[in-house]
Amino acid sequence: MPRRRTGRASGHDVPGAEVRLTRRGRLVRFLAAMALLVLVGVFALGRAVGAPVRADASVDPAPLLTQSVVVEQGDSLWIIAQRLAPQRDPREVIHEVRELNGLRSNLIQPGQVLLVPSVR
């Protein structure tokens, strides 16, 4: 005998109604959880193993020769760069000086000691 439908709403609206998963539903839930774990694992492994490659990475493993310069009154990184390497673009030299000294800006103070690339 077929079941009659009552006037009640689905089990989601009835307080205390349980949701029962079929065997297939449990299998799908398990497989989805495993796929998610595999994806997270692959992502984490890729982040741990794959070190980012810098676009400006040099093939030349030779160490950069440096020298020290004491900043004098009226000096700026631009002036120091022009004094050190007049044949080079001052912006490139300034970039190297900032990298060598960990400077976040172009501000320098008189008396400050800076590492600068040696003229080759």
PDB file of N, CA and C in Angstrom:
ATOM      1  N   MET A   1       0.834  -1.166   0.000  1.00  0.00           N
ATOM      2  CA  MET A   1       0.000   0.000   0.000  1.00  0.00           C
ATOM      3  C   MET A   1       0.889   1.242   0.000  1.00  0.00           C
ATOM      4  N   PRO A   2       0.666   2.186  -0.904  1.00  0.00           N
ATOM      5  CA  PRO A   2       1.491   3.387  -0.971  1.00  0.00           C
ATOM      6  C   PRO A   2       1.272   4.280   0.245  1.00  0.00           C
ATOM      7  N   ARG A   3       2.341   4.969   0.589  1.00  0.00           N
ATOM      8  CA  ARG A   3       2.263   5.882   1.732  1.00  0.00           C
ATOM      9  C   ARG A   3       1.526   7.130   1.329  1.00  0.00           C
ATOM     10  N   ARG A   4       0.776   7.617   2.237  1.00  0.00           N
ATOM     11  CA  ARG A   4       0.088   8.884   1.994  1.00  0.00           C
ATOM     12  C   ARG A   4       0.943  10.022   2.494  1.00  0.00           C
ATOM     13  N   ARG A   5       0.852  11.095   1.791  1.00  0.00           N
ATOM     14  CA  ARG A   5       1.565  12.282   2.218  1.00  0.00           C
ATOM     15  C   ARG A   5       0.707  13.019   3.228  1.00  0.00           C
ATOM     16  N   THR A   6       1.357  13.421   4.271  1.00  0.00           N
ATOM     17  CA  THR A   6       0.630  14.187   5.269  1.00  0.00           C
ATOM     18  C   THR A   6       0.804  15.651   4.959  1.00  0.00           C
ATOM     19  N   GLY A   7       0.162  16.499   5.678  1.00  0.00           N
ATOM     20  CA  GLY A   7       0.241  17.930   5.475  1.00  0.00           C
ATOM     21  C   GLY A   7       1.513  18.540   6.048  1.00  0.00           C
ATOM     22  N   ARG A   8       2.357  17.714   6.650  1.00  0.00           N
ATOM     23  CA  ARG A   8       3.581  18.242   7.254  1.00  0.00           C
ATOM     24  C   ARG A   8       4.619  18.562   6.191  1.00  0.00           C
ATOM     25  N   ALA A   9       5.497  19.473   6.581  1.00  0.00           N
ATOM     26  CA  ALA A   9       6.600  19.845   5.685  1.00  0.00           C
ATOM     27  C   ALA A   9       7.673  18.777   5.748  1.00  0.00           C
ATOM     28  N   SER A  10       8.731  18.965   5.007  1.00  0.00           N
ATOM     29  CA  SER A  10       9.820  17.985   4.979  1.00  0.00           C
ATOM     30  C   SER A  10      10.473  17.889   6.347  1.00  0.00           C
ATOM     31  N   GLY A  11      11.334  16.903   6.512  1.00  0.00           N
ATOM     32  CA  GLY A  11      11.992  16.659   7.793  1.00  0.00           C
ATOM     33  C   GLY A  11      12.876  17.807   8.235  1.00  0.00           C
ATOM     34  N   HIS A  12      13.256  18.716   7.343  1.00  0.00           N
ATOM     35  CA  HIS A  12      14.119  19.831   7.717  1.00  0.00           C
ATOM     36  C   HIS A  12      13.381  20.847   8.584  1.00  0.00           C
ATOM     37  N   ASP A  13      12.086  20.920   8.444  1.00  0.00           N
ATOM     38  CA  ASP A  13      11.313  21.904   9.187  1.00  0.00           C
ATOM     39  C   ASP A  13      10.774  21.377  10.506  1.00  0.00           C
ATOM     40  N   VAL A  14      10.880  20.089  10.701  1.00  0.00           N
ATOM     41  CA  VAL A  14      10.308  19.490  11.895  1.00  0.00           C
ATOM     42  C   VAL A  14      11.371  19.419  12.983  1.00  0.00           C
ATOM     43  N   PRO A  15      11.123  20.036  14.133  1.00  0.00           N
ATOM     44  CA  PRO A  15      12.108  19.969  15.210  1.00  0.00           C
ATOM     45  C   PRO A  15      12.295  18.529  15.675  1.00  0.00           C
ATOM     46  N   GLY A  16      13.565  18.147  15.874  1.00  0.00           N
ATOM     47  CA  GLY A  16      13.857  16.809  16.358  1.00  0.00           C
ATOM     48  C   GLY A  16      13.932  15.768  15.261  1.00  0.00           C
ATOM     49  N   ALA A  17      13.671  16.134  14.003  1.00  0.00           N
ATOM     50  CA  ALA A  17      13.746  15.161  12.911  1.00  0.00           C
ATOM     51  C   ALA A  17      15.213  14.904  12.576  1.00  0.00           C
ATOM     52  N   GLU A  18      15.581  13.659  12.396  1.00  0.00           N
ATOM     53  CA  GLU A  18      16.950  13.290  12.074  1.00  0.00           C
ATOM     54  C   GLU A  18      17.148  13.244  10.574  1.00  0.00           C
ATOM     55  N   VAL A  19      18.369  13.551  10.153  1.00  0.00           N
ATOM     56  CA  VAL A  19      18.726  13.396   8.752  1.00  0.00           C
ATOM     57  C   VAL A  19      19.505  12.105   8.656  1.00  0.00           C
ATOM     58  N   ARG A  20      19.054  11.210   7.819  1.00  0.00           N
ATOM     59  CA  ARG A  20      19.726   9.932   7.662  1.00  0.00           C
ATOM     60  C   ARG A  20      20.385   9.887   6.296  1.00  0.00           C
ATOM     61  N   LEU A  21      21.653   9.518   6.310  1.00  0.00           N
ATOM     62  CA  LEU A  21      22.369   9.374   5.057  1.00  0.00           C
ATOM     63  C   LEU A  21      22.341   7.916   4.626  1.00  0.00           C
ATOM     64  N   THR A  22      22.155   7.734   3.361  1.00  0.00           N
ATOM     65  CA  THR A  22      22.207   6.375   2.816  1.00  0.00           C
ATOM     66  C   THR A  22      23.667   5.962   2.725  1.00  0.00           C
ATOM     67  N   ARG A  23      23.902   4.730   2.382  1.00  0.00           N
ATOM     68  CA  ARG A  23      25.263   4.241   2.216  1.00  0.00           C
ATOM     69  C   ARG A  23      25.975   5.041   1.124  1.00  0.00           C
ATOM     70  N   ARG A  24      25.289   5.316   0.049  1.00  0.00           N
ATOM     71  CA  ARG A  24      25.862   6.106  -1.039  1.00  0.00           C
ATOM     72  C   ARG A  24      26.163   7.532  -0.561  1.00  0.00           C
ATOM     73  N   GLY A  25      25.302   8.126   0.225  1.00  0.00           N
ATOM     74  CA  GLY A  25      25.523   9.477   0.747  1.00  0.00           C
ATOM     75  C   GLY A  25      26.757   9.541   1.637  1.00  0.00           C
ATOM     76  N   ARG A  26      26.930   8.507   2.492  1.00  0.00           N
ATOM     77  CA  ARG A  26      28.117   8.460   3.347  1.00  0.00           C
ATOM     78  C   ARG A  26      29.377   8.302   2.513  1.00  0.00           C
ATOM     79  N   LEU A  27      29.315   7.501   1.458  1.00  0.00           N
ATOM     80  CA  LEU A  27      30.463   7.306   0.576  1.00  0.00           C
ATOM     81  C   LEU A  27      30.826   8.612  -0.130  1.00  0.00           C
ATOM     82  N   VAL A  28      29.826   9.325  -0.622  1.00  0.00           N
ATOM     83  CA  VAL A  28      30.077  10.605  -1.298  1.00  0.00           C
ATOM     84  C   VAL A  28      30.680  11.604  -0.318  1.00  0.00           C
ATOM     85  N   ARG A  29      30.161  11.669   0.887  1.00  0.00           N
ATOM     86  CA  ARG A  29      30.701  12.578   1.899  1.00  0.00           C
ATOM     87  C   ARG A  29      32.143  12.222   2.230  1.00  0.00           C
ATOM     88  N   PHE A  30      32.438  10.945   2.370  1.00  0.00           N
ATOM     89  CA  PHE A  30      33.797  10.493   2.665  1.00  0.00           C
ATOM     90  C   PHE A  30      34.747  10.842   1.513  1.00  0.00           C
ATOM     91  N   LEU A  31      34.338  10.583   0.274  1.00  0.00           N
ATOM     92  CA  LEU A  31      35.192  10.870  -0.878  1.00  0.00           C
ATOM     93  C   LEU A  31      35.437  12.370  -1.034  1.00  0.00           C
ATOM     94  N   ALA A  32      34.439  13.173  -0.757  1.00  0.00           N
ATOM     95  CA  ALA A  32      34.609  14.626  -0.840  1.00  0.00           C
ATOM     96  C   ALA A  32      35.604  15.105   0.222  1.00  0.00           C
ATOM     97  N   ALA A  33      35.519  14.558   1.419  1.00  0.00           N
ATOM     98  CA  ALA A  33      36.449  14.935   2.481  1.00  0.00           C
ATOM     99  C   ALA A  33      37.870  14.510   2.124  1.00  0.00           C
ATOM    100  N   MET A  34      38.035  13.318   1.552  1.00  0.00           N
ATOM    101  CA  MET A  34      39.360  12.850   1.152  1.00  0.00           C
ATOM    102  C   MET A  34      39.931  13.721   0.029  1.00  0.00           C
ATOM    103  N   ALA A  35      39.106  14.099  -0.939  1.00  0.00           N
ATOM    104  CA  ALA A  35      39.566  14.958  -2.033  1.00  0.00           C
ATOM    105  C   ALA A  35      40.013  16.306  -1.487  1.00  0.00           C
ATOM    106  N   LEU A  36      39.285  16.845  -0.534  1.00  0.00           N
ATOM    107  CA  LEU A  36      39.660  18.112   0.078  1.00  0.00           C
ATOM    108  C   LEU A  36      40.989  17.987   0.822  1.00  0.00           C
ATOM    109  N   LEU A  37      41.183  16.894   1.549  1.00  0.00           N
ATOM    110  CA  LEU A  37      42.447  16.677   2.257  1.00  0.00           C
ATOM    111  C   LEU A  37      43.614  16.548   1.282  1.00  0.00           C
ATOM    112  N   VAL A  38      43.409  15.853   0.178  1.00  0.00           N
ATOM    113  CA  VAL A  38      44.465  15.710  -0.822  1.00  0.00           C
ATOM    114  C   VAL A  38      44.809  17.072  -1.411  1.00  0.00           C
ATOM    115  N   LEU A  39      43.822  17.880  -1.742  1.00  0.00           N
ATOM    116  CA  LEU A  39      44.083  19.200  -2.298  1.00  0.00           C
ATOM    117  C   LEU A  39      44.843  20.087  -1.317  1.00  0.00           C
ATOM    118  N   VAL A  40      44.450  20.079  -0.072  1.00  0.00           N
ATOM    119  CA  VAL A  40      45.142  20.878   0.944  1.00  0.00           C
ATOM    120  C   VAL A  40      46.576  20.383   1.098  1.00  0.00           C
ATOM    121  N   GLY A  41      46.775  19.067   1.101  1.00  0.00           N
ATOM    122  CA  GLY A  41      48.114  18.504   1.223  1.00  0.00           C
ATOM    123  C   GLY A  41      49.006  18.873   0.049  1.00  0.00           C
ATOM    124  N   VAL A  42      48.477  18.796  -1.154  1.00  0.00           N
ATOM    125  CA  VAL A  42      49.246  19.156  -2.348  1.00  0.00           C
ATOM    126  C   VAL A  42      49.598  20.639  -2.311  1.00  0.00           C
ATOM    127  N   PHE A  43      48.659  21.471  -1.928  1.00  0.00           N
ATOM    128  CA  PHE A  43      48.912  22.904  -1.843  1.00  0.00           C
ATOM    129  C   PHE A  43      49.997  23.200  -0.811  1.00  0.00           C
ATOM    130  N   ALA A  44      49.903  22.580   0.364  1.00  0.00           N
ATOM    131  CA  ALA A  44      50.889  22.810   1.417  1.00  0.00           C
ATOM    132  C   ALA A  44      52.263  22.308   0.997  1.00  0.00           C
ATOM    133  N   LEU A  45      52.322  21.171   0.360  1.00  0.00           N
ATOM    134  CA  LEU A  45      53.592  20.625  -0.106  1.00  0.00           C
ATOM    135  C   LEU A  45      54.191  21.513  -1.180  1.00  0.00           C
ATOM    136  N   GLY A  46      53.376  22.011  -2.072  1.00  0.00           N
ATOM    137  CA  GLY A  46      53.857  22.909  -3.117  1.00  0.00           C
ATOM    138  C   GLY A  46      54.409  24.195  -2.540  1.00  0.00           C
ATOM    139  N   ARG A  47      53.781  24.717  -1.507  1.00  0.00           N
ATOM    140  CA  ARG A  47      54.274  25.954  -0.880  1.00  0.00           C
ATOM    141  C   ARG A  47      55.582  25.695  -0.145  1.00  0.00           C
ATOM    142  N   ALA A  48      55.714  24.513   0.476  1.00  0.00           N
ATOM    143  CA  ALA A  48      56.925  24.214   1.246  1.00  0.00           C
ATOM    144  C   ALA A  48      58.108  23.911   0.338  1.00  0.00           C
ATOM    145  N   VAL A  49      57.875  23.210  -0.750  1.00  0.00           N
ATOM    146  CA  VAL A  49      58.960  22.783  -1.629  1.00  0.00           C
ATOM    147  C   VAL A  49      59.335  23.861  -2.629  1.00  0.00           C
ATOM    148  N   GLY A  50      58.351  24.506  -3.218  1.00  0.00           N
ATOM    149  CA  GLY A  50      58.615  25.457  -4.292  1.00  0.00           C
ATOM    150  C   GLY A  50      58.991  26.820  -3.776  1.00  0.00           C
ATOM    151  N   ALA A  51      60.272  27.099  -3.705  1.00  0.00           N
ATOM    152  CA  ALA A  51      60.724  28.433  -3.304  1.00  0.00           C
ATOM    153  C   ALA A  51      60.489  29.389  -4.463  1.00  0.00           C
ATOM    154  N   PRO A  52      60.013  30.576  -4.169  1.00  0.00           N
ATOM    155  CA  PRO A  52      59.760  31.516  -5.257  1.00  0.00           C
ATOM    156  C   PRO A  52      61.054  31.884  -5.978  1.00  0.00           C
ATOM    157  N   VAL A  53      60.950  31.992  -7.278  1.00  0.00           N
ATOM    158  CA  VAL A  53      62.098  32.362  -8.085  1.00  0.00           C
ATOM    159  C   VAL A  53      62.005  33.843  -8.380  1.00  0.00           C
ATOM    160  N   ARG A  54      63.059  34.574  -8.032  1.00  0.00           N
ATOM    161  CA  ARG A  54      63.057  36.011  -8.269  1.00  0.00           C
ATOM    162  C   ARG A  54      63.385  36.272  -9.716  1.00  0.00           C
ATOM    163  N   ALA A  55      62.728  37.259 -10.288  1.00  0.00           N
ATOM    164  CA  ALA A  55      62.969  37.612 -11.678  1.00  0.00           C
ATOM    165  C   ALA A  55      64.354  38.199 -11.864  1.00  0.00           C
ATOM    166  N   ASP A  56      64.900  38.833 -10.829  1.00  0.00           N
ATOM    167  CA  ASP A  56      66.204  39.456 -10.944  1.00  0.00           C
ATOM    168  C   ASP A  56      67.324  38.571 -10.403  1.00  0.00           C
ATOM    169  N   ALA A  57      67.028  37.281 -10.229  1.00  0.00           N
ATOM    170  CA  ALA A  57      68.045  36.371  -9.714  1.00  0.00           C
ATOM    171  C   ALA A  57      69.197  36.289 -10.701  1.00  0.00           C
ATOM    172  N   SER A  58      70.382  36.468 -10.185  1.00  0.00           N
ATOM    173  CA  SER A  58      71.570  36.500 -11.033  1.00  0.00           C
ATOM    174  C   SER A  58      72.142  35.100 -11.169  1.00  0.00           C
ATOM    175  N   VAL A  59      72.684  34.803 -12.342  1.00  0.00           N
ATOM    176  CA  VAL A  59      73.318  33.527 -12.587  1.00  0.00           C
ATOM    177  C   VAL A  59      74.755  33.577 -12.077  1.00  0.00           C
ATOM    178  N   ASP A  60      75.315  34.772 -11.944  1.00  0.00           N
ATOM    179  CA  ASP A  60      76.672  34.972 -11.493  1.00  0.00           C
ATOM    180  C   ASP A  60      76.746  34.812  -9.979  1.00  0.00           C
ATOM    181  N   PRO A  61      77.362  33.735  -9.478  1.00  0.00           N
ATOM    182  CA  PRO A  61      77.416  33.533  -8.035  1.00  0.00           C
ATOM    183  C   PRO A  61      78.530  34.332  -7.356  1.00  0.00           C
ATOM    184  N   ALA A  62      79.245  35.167  -8.094  1.00  0.00           N
ATOM    185  CA  ALA A  62      80.341  35.941  -7.514  1.00  0.00           C
ATOM    186  C   ALA A  62      79.801  36.894  -6.450  1.00  0.00           C
ATOM    187  N   PRO A  63      80.478  36.965  -5.309  1.00  0.00           N
ATOM    188  CA  PRO A  63      80.008  37.873  -4.252  1.00  0.00           C
ATOM    189  C   PRO A  63      80.178  39.328  -4.674  1.00  0.00           C
ATOM    190  N   LEU A  64      79.285  40.156  -4.165  1.00  0.00           N
ATOM    191  CA  LEU A  64      79.331  41.587  -4.450  1.00  0.00           C
ATOM    192  C   LEU A  64      80.367  42.223  -3.531  1.00  0.00           C
ATOM    193  N   LEU A  65      81.336  42.907  -4.129  1.00  0.00           N
ATOM    194  CA  LEU A  65      82.349  43.589  -3.338  1.00  0.00           C
ATOM    195  C   LEU A  65      81.779  44.907  -2.850  1.00  0.00           C
ATOM    196  N   THR A  66      82.013  45.194  -1.571  1.00  0.00           N
ATOM    197  CA  THR A  66      81.461  46.419  -0.995  1.00  0.00           C
ATOM    198  C   THR A  66      82.552  47.211  -0.302  1.00  0.00           C
ATOM    199  N   GLN A  67      82.234  48.448  -0.031  1.00  0.00           N
ATOM    200  CA  GLN A  67      83.081  49.310   0.776  1.00  0.00           C
ATOM    201  C   GLN A  67      82.173  50.153   1.649  1.00  0.00           C
ATOM    202  N   SER A  68      82.719  50.793   2.657  1.00  0.00           N
ATOM    203  CA  SER A  68      81.948  51.638   3.569  1.00  0.00           C
ATOM    204  C   SER A  68      82.113  53.104   3.191  1.00  0.00           C
ATOM    205  N   VAL A  69      81.025  53.849   3.347  1.00  0.00           N
ATOM    206  CA  VAL A  69      81.032  55.289   3.095  1.00  0.00           C
ATOM    207  C   VAL A  69      80.335  55.957   4.273  1.00  0.00           C
ATOM    208  N   VAL A  70      80.924  57.022   4.777  1.00  0.00           N
ATOM    209  CA  VAL A  70      80.294  57.800   5.846  1.00  0.00           C
ATOM    210  C   VAL A  70      79.538  58.956   5.187  1.00  0.00           C
ATOM    211  N   VAL A  71      78.258  59.083   5.516  1.00  0.00           N
ATOM    212  CA  VAL A  71      77.424  60.143   4.949  1.00  0.00           C
ATOM    213  C   VAL A  71      77.850  61.476   5.547  1.00  0.00           C
ATOM    214  N   GLU A  72      78.086  62.435   4.670  1.00  0.00           N
ATOM    215  CA  GLU A  72      78.476  63.777   5.109  1.00  0.00           C
ATOM    216  C   GLU A  72      77.286  64.728   5.001  1.00  0.00           C
ATOM    217  N   GLN A  73      77.417  65.884   5.641  1.00  0.00           N
ATOM    218  CA  GLN A  73      76.356  66.908   5.595  1.00  0.00           C
ATOM    219  C   GLN A  73      76.079  67.268   4.129  1.00  0.00           C
ATOM    220  N   GLY A  74      74.823  67.249   3.728  1.00  0.00           N
ATOM    221  CA  GLY A  74      74.428  67.603   2.370  1.00  0.00           C
ATOM    222  C   GLY A  74      74.413  66.440   1.397  1.00  0.00           C
ATOM    223  N   ASP A  75      74.885  65.272   1.832  1.00  0.00           N
ATOM    224  CA  ASP A  75      74.869  64.100   0.950  1.00  0.00           C
ATOM    225  C   ASP A  75      73.458  63.546   0.818  1.00  0.00           C
ATOM    226  N   SER A  76      73.204  62.976  -0.321  1.00  0.00           N
ATOM    227  CA  SER A  76      71.976  62.225  -0.571  1.00  0.00           C
ATOM    228  C   SER A  76      72.395  60.936  -1.269  1.00  0.00           C
ATOM    229  N   LEU A  77      71.496  59.991  -1.354  1.00  0.00           N
ATOM    230  CA  LEU A  77      71.832  58.756  -2.057  1.00  0.00           C
ATOM    231  C   LEU A  77      72.166  59.037  -3.518  1.00  0.00           C
ATOM    232  N   TRP A  78      71.500  60.007  -4.111  1.00  0.00           N
ATOM    233  CA  TRP A  78      71.761  60.365  -5.507  1.00  0.00           C
ATOM    234  C   TRP A  78      73.204  60.870  -5.666  1.00  0.00           C
ATOM    235  N   ILE A  79      73.627  61.754  -4.783  1.00  0.00           N
ATOM    236  CA  ILE A  79      74.986  62.307  -4.851  1.00  0.00           C
ATOM    237  C   ILE A  79      76.021  61.210  -4.625  1.00  0.00           C
ATOM    238  N   ILE A  80      75.780  60.353  -3.642  1.00  0.00           N
ATOM    239  CA  ILE A  80      76.711  59.254  -3.359  1.00  0.00           C
ATOM    240  C   ILE A  80      76.787  58.317  -4.561  1.00  0.00           C
ATOM    241  N   ALA A  81      75.653  58.009  -5.180  1.00  0.00           N
ATOM    242  CA  ALA A  81      75.627  57.118  -6.347  1.00  0.00           C
ATOM    243  C   ALA A  81      76.406  57.731  -7.510  1.00  0.00           C
ATOM    244  N   GLN A  82      76.245  59.035  -7.738  1.00  0.00           N
ATOM    245  CA  GLN A  82      76.982  59.697  -8.824  1.00  0.00           C
ATOM    246  C   GLN A  82      78.481  59.730  -8.532  1.00  0.00           C
ATOM    247  N   ARG A  83      78.845  59.909  -7.259  1.00  0.00           N
ATOM    248  CA  ARG A  83      80.246  59.939  -6.868  1.00  0.00           C
ATOM    249  C   ARG A  83      80.885  58.548  -7.020  1.00  0.00           C
ATOM    250  N   LEU A  84      80.137  57.497  -6.657  1.00  0.00           N
ATOM    251  CA  LEU A  84      80.673  56.136  -6.707  1.00  0.00           C
ATOM    252  C   LEU A  84      80.832  55.622  -8.132  1.00  0.00           C
ATOM    253  N   ALA A  85      79.808  55.804  -8.945  1.00  0.00           N
ATOM    254  CA  ALA A  85      79.800  55.219 -10.292  1.00  0.00           C
ATOM    255  C   ALA A  85      79.213  56.216 -11.279  1.00  0.00           C
ATOM    256  N   PRO A  86      79.999  57.193 -11.699  1.00  0.00           N
ATOM    257  CA  PRO A  86      79.471  58.225 -12.600  1.00  0.00           C
ATOM    258  C   PRO A  86      79.035  57.674 -13.965  1.00  0.00           C
ATOM    259  N   GLN A  87      79.559  56.528 -14.349  1.00  0.00           N
ATOM    260  CA  GLN A  87      79.210  55.945 -15.645  1.00  0.00           C
ATOM    261  C   GLN A  87      77.901  55.160 -15.600  1.00  0.00           C
ATOM    262  N   ARG A  88      77.394  54.857 -14.415  1.00  0.00           N
ATOM    263  CA  ARG A  88      76.163  54.067 -14.272  1.00  0.00           C
ATOM    264  C   ARG A  88      74.966  54.953 -13.996  1.00  0.00           C
ATOM    265  N   ASP A  89      73.781  54.396 -14.204  1.00  0.00           N
ATOM    266  CA  ASP A  89      72.533  55.073 -13.877  1.00  0.00           C
ATOM    267  C   ASP A  89      72.434  55.176 -12.351  1.00  0.00           C
ATOM    268  N   PRO A  90      72.322  56.376 -11.802  1.00  0.00           N
ATOM    269  CA  PRO A  90      72.264  56.527 -10.334  1.00  0.00           C
ATOM    270  C   PRO A  90      71.124  55.739  -9.690  1.00  0.00           C
ATOM    271  N   ARG A  91      70.019  55.559 -10.397  1.00  0.00           N
ATOM    272  CA  ARG A  91      68.887  54.811  -9.824  1.00  0.00           C
ATOM    273  C   ARG A  91      69.258  53.364  -9.529  1.00  0.00           C
ATOM    274  N   GLU A  92      70.066  52.749 -10.393  1.00  0.00           N
ATOM    275  CA  GLU A  92      70.507  51.372 -10.157  1.00  0.00           C
ATOM    276  C   GLU A  92      71.426  51.293  -8.947  1.00  0.00           C
ATOM    277  N   VAL A  93      72.344  52.257  -8.839  1.00  0.00           N
ATOM    278  CA  VAL A  93      73.276  52.271  -7.710  1.00  0.00           C
ATOM    279  C   VAL A  93      72.511  52.518  -6.405  1.00  0.00           C
ATOM    280  N   ILE A  94      71.554  53.431  -6.430  1.00  0.00           N
ATOM    281  CA  ILE A  94      70.731  53.711  -5.237  1.00  0.00           C
ATOM    282  C   ILE A  94      69.988  52.450  -4.813  1.00  0.00           C
ATOM    283  N   HIS A  95      69.455  51.725  -5.777  1.00  0.00           N
ATOM    284  CA  HIS A  95      68.739  50.478  -5.464  1.00  0.00           C
ATOM    285  C   HIS A  95      69.684  49.489  -4.770  1.00  0.00           C
ATOM    286  N   GLU A  96      70.911  49.363  -5.275  1.00  0.00           N
ATOM    287  CA  GLU A  96      71.883  48.455  -4.659  1.00  0.00           C
ATOM    288  C   GLU A  96      72.237  48.906  -3.242  1.00  0.00           C
ATOM    289  N   VAL A  97      72.446  50.202  -3.053  1.00  0.00           N
ATOM    290  CA  VAL A  97      72.791  50.724  -1.722  1.00  0.00           C
ATOM    291  C   VAL A  97      71.646  50.464  -0.745  1.00  0.00           C
ATOM    292  N   ARG A  98      70.419  50.704  -1.186  1.00  0.00           N
ATOM    293  CA  ARG A  98      69.263  50.461  -0.305  1.00  0.00           C
ATOM    294  C   ARG A  98      69.151  48.990   0.048  1.00  0.00           C
ATOM    295  N   GLU A  99      69.381  48.096  -0.927  1.00  0.00           N
ATOM    296  CA  GLU A  99      69.330  46.651  -0.662  1.00  0.00           C
ATOM    297  C   GLU A  99      70.428  46.236   0.317  1.00  0.00           C
ATOM    298  N   LEU A 100      71.635  46.725   0.106  1.00  0.00           N
ATOM    299  CA  LEU A 100      72.758  46.361   0.977  1.00  0.00           C
ATOM    300  C   LEU A 100      72.540  46.793   2.420  1.00  0.00           C
ATOM    301  N   ASN A 101      71.884  47.939   2.606  1.00  0.00           N
ATOM    302  CA  ASN A 101      71.730  48.507   3.949  1.00  0.00           C
ATOM    303  C   ASN A 101      70.347  48.315   4.545  1.00  0.00           C
ATOM    304  N   GLY A 102      69.453  47.679   3.811  1.00  0.00           N
ATOM    305  CA  GLY A 102      68.093  47.457   4.321  1.00  0.00           C
ATOM    306  C   GLY A 102      67.318  48.744   4.520  1.00  0.00           C
ATOM    307  N   LEU A 103      67.558  49.730   3.669  1.00  0.00           N
ATOM    308  CA  LEU A 103      66.870  51.020   3.790  1.00  0.00           C
ATOM    309  C   LEU A 103      65.488  50.935   3.154  1.00  0.00           C
ATOM    310  N   ARG A 104      64.498  51.453   3.840  1.00  0.00           N
ATOM    311  CA  ARG A 104      63.128  51.471   3.312  1.00  0.00           C
ATOM    312  C   ARG A 104      62.829  52.744   2.539  1.00  0.00           C
ATOM    313  N   SER A 105      63.655  53.766   2.728  1.00  0.00           N
ATOM    314  CA  SER A 105      63.459  55.032   2.020  1.00  0.00           C
ATOM    315  C   SER A 105      64.820  55.572   1.615  1.00  0.00           C
ATOM    316  N   ASN A 106      64.807  56.717   0.962  1.00  0.00           N
ATOM    317  CA  ASN A 106      66.050  57.346   0.533  1.00  0.00           C
ATOM    318  C   ASN A 106      66.628  58.293   1.583  1.00  0.00           C
ATOM    319  N   LEU A 107      66.036  58.334   2.756  1.00  0.00           N
ATOM    320  CA  LEU A 107      66.502  59.245   3.805  1.00  0.00           C
ATOM    321  C   LEU A 107      67.742  58.687   4.477  1.00  0.00           C
ATOM    322  N   ILE A 108      68.791  59.510   4.528  1.00  0.00           N
ATOM    323  CA  ILE A 108      70.024  59.155   5.226  1.00  0.00           C
ATOM    324  C   ILE A 108      70.436  60.329   6.100  1.00  0.00           C
ATOM    325  N   GLN A 109      71.259  60.055   7.109  1.00  0.00           N
ATOM    326  CA  GLN A 109      71.664  61.076   8.087  1.00  0.00           C
ATOM    327  C   GLN A 109      73.176  61.266   8.051  1.00  0.00           C
ATOM    328  N   PRO A 110      73.660  62.497   8.270  1.00  0.00           N
ATOM    329  CA  PRO A 110      75.104  62.711   8.376  1.00  0.00           C
ATOM    330  C   PRO A 110      75.690  61.850   9.487  1.00  0.00           C
ATOM    331  N   GLY A 111      76.844  61.237   9.187  1.00  0.00           N
ATOM    332  CA  GLY A 111      77.496  60.354  10.151  1.00  0.00           C
ATOM    333  C   GLY A 111      77.105  58.894   9.976  1.00  0.00           C
ATOM    334  N   GLN A 112      76.070  58.638   9.234  1.00  0.00           N
ATOM    335  CA  GLN A 112      75.615  57.273   9.002  1.00  0.00           C
ATOM    336  C   GLN A 112      76.636  56.543   8.119  1.00  0.00           C
ATOM    337  N   VAL A 113      76.927  55.299   8.451  1.00  0.00           N
ATOM    338  CA  VAL A 113      77.858  54.494   7.664  1.00  0.00           C
ATOM    339  C   VAL A 113      77.042  53.586   6.750  1.00  0.00           C
ATOM    340  N   LEU A 114      77.320  53.661   5.451  1.00  0.00           N
ATOM    341  CA  LEU A 114      76.602  52.872   4.458  1.00  0.00           C
ATOM    342  C   LEU A 114      77.545  51.908   3.752  1.00  0.00           C
ATOM    343  N   LEU A 115      77.072  50.697   3.515  1.00  0.00           N
ATOM    344  CA  LEU A 115      77.769  49.788   2.617  1.00  0.00           C
ATOM    345  C   LEU A 115      77.368  50.153   1.202  1.00  0.00           C
ATOM    346  N   VAL A 116      78.354  50.272   0.333  1.00  0.00           N
ATOM    347  CA  VAL A 116      78.085  50.620  -1.066  1.00  0.00           C
ATOM    348  C   VAL A 116      78.848  49.644  -1.942  1.00  0.00           C
ATOM    349  N   PRO A 117      78.344  49.388  -3.149  1.00  0.00           N
ATOM    350  CA  PRO A 117      79.068  48.479  -4.044  1.00  0.00           C
ATOM    351  C   PRO A 117      80.395  49.103  -4.465  1.00  0.00           C
ATOM    352  N   SER A 118      81.440  48.293  -4.472  1.00  0.00           N
ATOM    353  CA  SER A 118      82.750  48.789  -4.921  1.00  0.00           C
ATOM    354  C   SER A 118      82.738  48.969  -6.421  1.00  0.00           C
ATOM    355  N   VAL A 119      83.501  49.931  -6.899  1.00  0.00           N
ATOM    356  CA  VAL A 119      83.625  50.166  -8.327  1.00  0.00           C
ATOM    357  C   VAL A 119      84.505  49.058  -8.889  1.00  0.00           C
ATOM    358  N   ARG A 120      84.024  48.394  -9.929  1.00  0.00           N
ATOM    359  CA  ARG A 120      84.752  47.258 -10.509  1.00  0.00           C
ATOM    360  C   ARG A 120      85.629  47.715 -11.632  1.00  0.00           C
TER     361      ARG A 120
END
